[in-house]
Amino acid sequence: MSWEKAKWLVVALIACALGTALLDACGSSTSGSDRFRDKADSPLLDFGEESGGAELEEAADVVHAFFVARGREDWQATCARLSAAMLDKIEHLATSSTDLKDPSCPSFLEAFLSLSERERQESTVEAGSLRQQGAKGFLIYYGTGEVVYAMPLSKDGGKWKVASLSPKRLS
C-alpha cells in the first residue's frame, strides 16, 4: 500500500471515529424511555420529563424493595414503601368496607392481598427510565423475561414511594 493510500485510510478512520462520537453525544444511543420503544407502545414512555442518575436509582431501589417485601409477605415493609395517597385509600377501604379490627395497611394486605406464585417471586427491576411530572412518576423497567412494566410512583416528603400494589404491563 502506498503512503498516499495509507494516509487517506487513516483520515477516513479518524473521520468515522469522530462521527460516531458526535452521534453518541447527540443522543443517538438508546437510553431512558427510548430503550423500550421497540417492545412497548405506551403514552407513558412520553409522560412528563426523563429523570436519570440518582433519582432513577432511588426509584428503582424503592420498587425493588417493595417487590421483595411483598413477595415475602412482609406487609409492614410493603406498606412502608407505599405513597401516602395509596395508604389513605387502603385504610379508607379497610374502614368502610371490612370488619377488620385493625384497619391499618399491613392488616388489610395480610387479610385481602392474594399473590400468585409469579408475583411472590417477582423482584427483577432492570430500570431504564423514570418519567416524572411534578410529584408523579413512572418507573419503566424490564421485569423477568424482558417484559416491560411501568410502576406508578409518587414523591412523598422528597422521596419516591410506590403508588400502586402492582405495575402496569406495557409489553
Protein backbone atom coordinates (compact mmCIF):
# COMPACT_ATOMS: atom_id res chain seq x y z
CA MET A 1 0.00 0.00 0.00
CA SER A 2 1.36 3.37 -0.94
CA TRP A 3 1.91 6.15 1.57
CA GLU A 4 -0.83 8.24 -0.09
CA LYS A 5 -3.44 5.44 0.25
CA ALA A 6 -2.42 4.77 3.86
CA LYS A 7 -2.76 8.47 4.69
CA TRP A 8 -6.32 8.57 3.26
CA LEU A 9 -7.23 5.40 5.15
CA VAL A 10 -6.08 6.96 8.44
CA VAL A 11 -8.01 10.17 7.67
CA ALA A 12 -11.15 8.12 6.88
CA LEU A 13 -10.84 6.14 10.14
CA ILE A 14 -10.42 9.32 12.18
CA ALA A 15 -13.44 10.92 10.47
CA CYS A 16 -15.50 7.80 11.16
CA ALA A 17 -14.49 7.79 14.84
CA LEU A 18 -15.33 11.50 15.19
CA GLY A 19 -18.71 10.96 13.52
CA THR A 20 -19.54 8.13 15.92
CA ALA A 21 -18.54 10.26 18.92
CA LEU A 22 -20.70 13.14 17.70
CA LEU A 23 -23.72 10.89 17.16
CA ASP A 24 -23.36 9.45 20.68
CA ALA A 25 -23.08 12.96 22.14
CA CYS A 26 -26.28 13.96 20.31
CA GLY A 27 -28.20 11.09 21.89
CA SER A 28 -28.36 8.55 19.10
CA SER A 29 -27.70 5.71 21.53
CA THR A 30 -30.91 4.45 23.11
CA SER A 31 -31.33 5.44 26.70
CA GLY A 32 -34.15 6.36 29.01
CA SER A 33 -37.60 5.51 27.74
CA ASP A 34 -36.28 5.18 24.16
CA ARG A 35 -34.75 1.82 25.04
CA PHE A 36 -38.27 0.38 25.47
CA ARG A 37 -39.87 1.70 22.28
CA ASP A 38 -39.18 -1.46 20.26
CA LYS A 39 -41.06 -3.57 22.86
CA ALA A 40 -43.78 -1.22 24.12
CA ASP A 41 -46.09 1.36 22.61
CA SER A 42 -47.42 3.39 25.50
CA PRO A 43 -48.02 7.07 26.19
CA LEU A 44 -46.20 6.53 29.49
CA LEU A 45 -42.94 6.45 27.52
CA ASP A 46 -43.53 10.16 26.85
CA PHE A 47 -45.06 11.14 30.19
CA GLY A 48 -43.51 14.25 31.74
CA GLU A 49 -39.74 14.56 31.60
CA GLU A 50 -36.98 11.97 31.72
CA SER A 51 -35.13 11.82 35.05
CA GLY A 52 -31.91 9.94 35.47
CA GLY A 53 -28.91 9.40 37.67
CA ALA A 54 -29.50 9.29 41.39
CA GLU A 55 -33.25 9.86 41.04
CA LEU A 56 -33.66 6.87 38.69
CA GLU A 57 -31.57 4.74 41.04
CA GLU A 58 -33.64 5.81 44.07
CA ALA A 59 -36.90 4.96 42.29
CA ALA A 60 -35.56 1.58 41.14
CA ASP A 61 -34.38 0.74 44.67
CA VAL A 62 -37.81 1.60 46.14
CA VAL A 63 -39.67 -0.52 43.58
CA HIS A 64 -37.26 -3.45 44.02
CA ALA A 65 -37.56 -3.28 47.84
CA PHE A 66 -41.35 -3.10 47.51
CA PHE A 67 -41.41 -6.29 45.40
CA VAL A 68 -39.05 -8.12 47.76
CA ALA A 69 -41.16 -7.18 50.80
CA ARG A 70 -44.41 -8.03 49.00
CA GLY A 71 -43.02 -11.38 47.85
CA ARG A 72 -42.04 -12.27 51.42
CA GLU A 73 -45.46 -11.14 52.59
CA ASP A 74 -43.74 -8.67 54.91
CA TRP A 75 -46.73 -6.33 54.96
CA GLN A 76 -45.15 -3.79 57.32
CA ALA A 77 -42.19 -3.30 54.94
CA THR A 78 -44.52 -3.37 51.91
CA CYS A 79 -46.70 -0.61 53.35
CA ALA A 80 -43.62 1.45 54.31
CA ARG A 81 -42.86 1.82 50.59
CA LEU A 82 -46.37 2.93 49.60
CA SER A 83 -47.30 6.54 48.94
CA ALA A 84 -49.44 8.47 51.42
CA ALA A 85 -52.30 8.57 48.91
CA MET A 86 -52.19 4.78 48.45
CA LEU A 87 -52.08 4.24 52.22
CA ASP A 88 -55.09 6.53 52.63
CA LYS A 89 -57.05 4.54 50.01
CA ILE A 90 -56.20 1.22 51.66
CA GLU A 91 -57.10 2.45 55.15
CA HIS A 92 -60.34 4.03 53.88
CA LEU A 93 -61.29 0.77 52.19
CA ALA A 94 -60.39 -1.21 55.32
CA THR A 95 -62.53 1.07 57.49
CA SER A 96 -65.54 1.43 55.21
CA SER A 97 -65.77 -2.00 53.59
CA THR A 98 -64.44 -4.55 56.05
CA ASP A 99 -64.94 -5.58 59.65
CA LEU A 100 -61.21 -5.63 60.40
CA LYS A 101 -60.46 -4.60 63.97
CA ASP A 102 -57.16 -3.14 62.76
CA PRO A 103 -57.74 -1.08 59.59
CA SER A 104 -54.02 -0.46 59.06
CA CYS A 105 -52.34 -1.17 55.74
CA PRO A 106 -50.38 -4.24 56.96
CA SER A 107 -53.52 -5.79 58.47
CA PHE A 108 -55.56 -5.12 55.32
CA LEU A 109 -52.91 -6.54 52.97
CA GLU A 110 -52.49 -9.63 55.12
CA ALA A 111 -56.23 -10.25 55.07
CA PHE A 112 -57.01 -9.43 51.45
CA LEU A 113 -53.96 -9.48 49.18
CA SER A 114 -53.56 -12.78 47.42
CA LEU A 115 -50.38 -13.13 45.36
CA SER A 116 -49.76 -15.57 42.56
CA GLU A 117 -46.58 -17.62 42.64
CA ARG A 118 -45.15 -15.39 39.90
CA GLU A 119 -45.94 -12.25 41.93
CA ARG A 120 -44.29 -13.76 45.01
CA GLN A 121 -41.11 -14.41 43.07
CA GLU A 122 -41.08 -11.21 41.02
CA SER A 123 -38.34 -8.85 42.12
CA THR A 124 -36.46 -8.21 38.87
CA VAL A 125 -36.29 -4.49 38.21
CA GLU A 126 -33.93 -3.61 35.36
CA ALA A 127 -34.78 0.08 35.42
CA GLY A 128 -34.21 2.14 32.33
CA SER A 129 -36.42 5.18 32.67
CA LEU A 130 -38.01 7.41 35.26
CA ARG A 131 -40.67 9.61 33.68
CA GLN A 132 -41.64 12.43 36.03
CA GLN A 133 -44.09 15.32 36.09
CA GLY A 134 -44.22 17.17 39.38
CA ALA A 135 -44.70 14.72 42.24
CA LYS A 136 -45.99 11.96 39.94
CA GLY A 137 -43.76 9.50 38.14
CA PHE A 138 -43.49 6.14 36.43
CA LEU A 139 -40.52 3.81 36.71
CA ILE A 140 -40.27 1.97 33.40
CA TYR A 141 -38.32 -1.23 33.63
CA TYR A 142 -37.73 -4.74 32.34
CA GLY A 143 -39.08 -7.43 34.61
CA THR A 144 -38.44 -11.16 34.28
CA GLY A 145 -38.25 -12.27 30.65
CA GLU A 146 -37.68 -8.71 29.42
CA VAL A 147 -41.33 -7.81 29.83
CA VAL A 148 -41.72 -4.02 30.04
CA TYR A 149 -43.58 -2.62 33.04
CA ALA A 150 -44.39 0.82 34.44
CA MET A 151 -44.78 1.25 38.18
CA PRO A 152 -46.66 4.38 39.27
CA LEU A 153 -44.74 6.44 41.82
CA SER A 154 -45.40 9.48 43.95
CA LYS A 155 -42.98 11.89 45.61
CA ASP A 156 -43.76 11.99 49.35
CA GLY A 157 -41.53 14.12 51.56
CA GLY A 158 -38.90 14.32 48.84
CA LYS A 159 -38.70 10.53 48.45
CA TRP A 160 -40.19 8.25 45.81
CA LYS A 161 -42.93 5.94 47.03
CA VAL A 162 -44.89 3.24 45.20
CA ALA A 163 -48.38 4.44 44.20
CA SER A 164 -49.94 1.05 43.30
CA LEU A 165 -49.94 -2.51 44.55
CA SER A 166 -48.87 -3.79 41.12
CA PRO A 167 -47.21 -2.42 37.97
CA LYS A 168 -48.82 -1.84 34.59
CA ARG A 169 -47.58 -4.20 31.89
CA LEU A 170 -46.55 -2.28 28.76
CA SER A 171 -45.40 -5.14 26.51
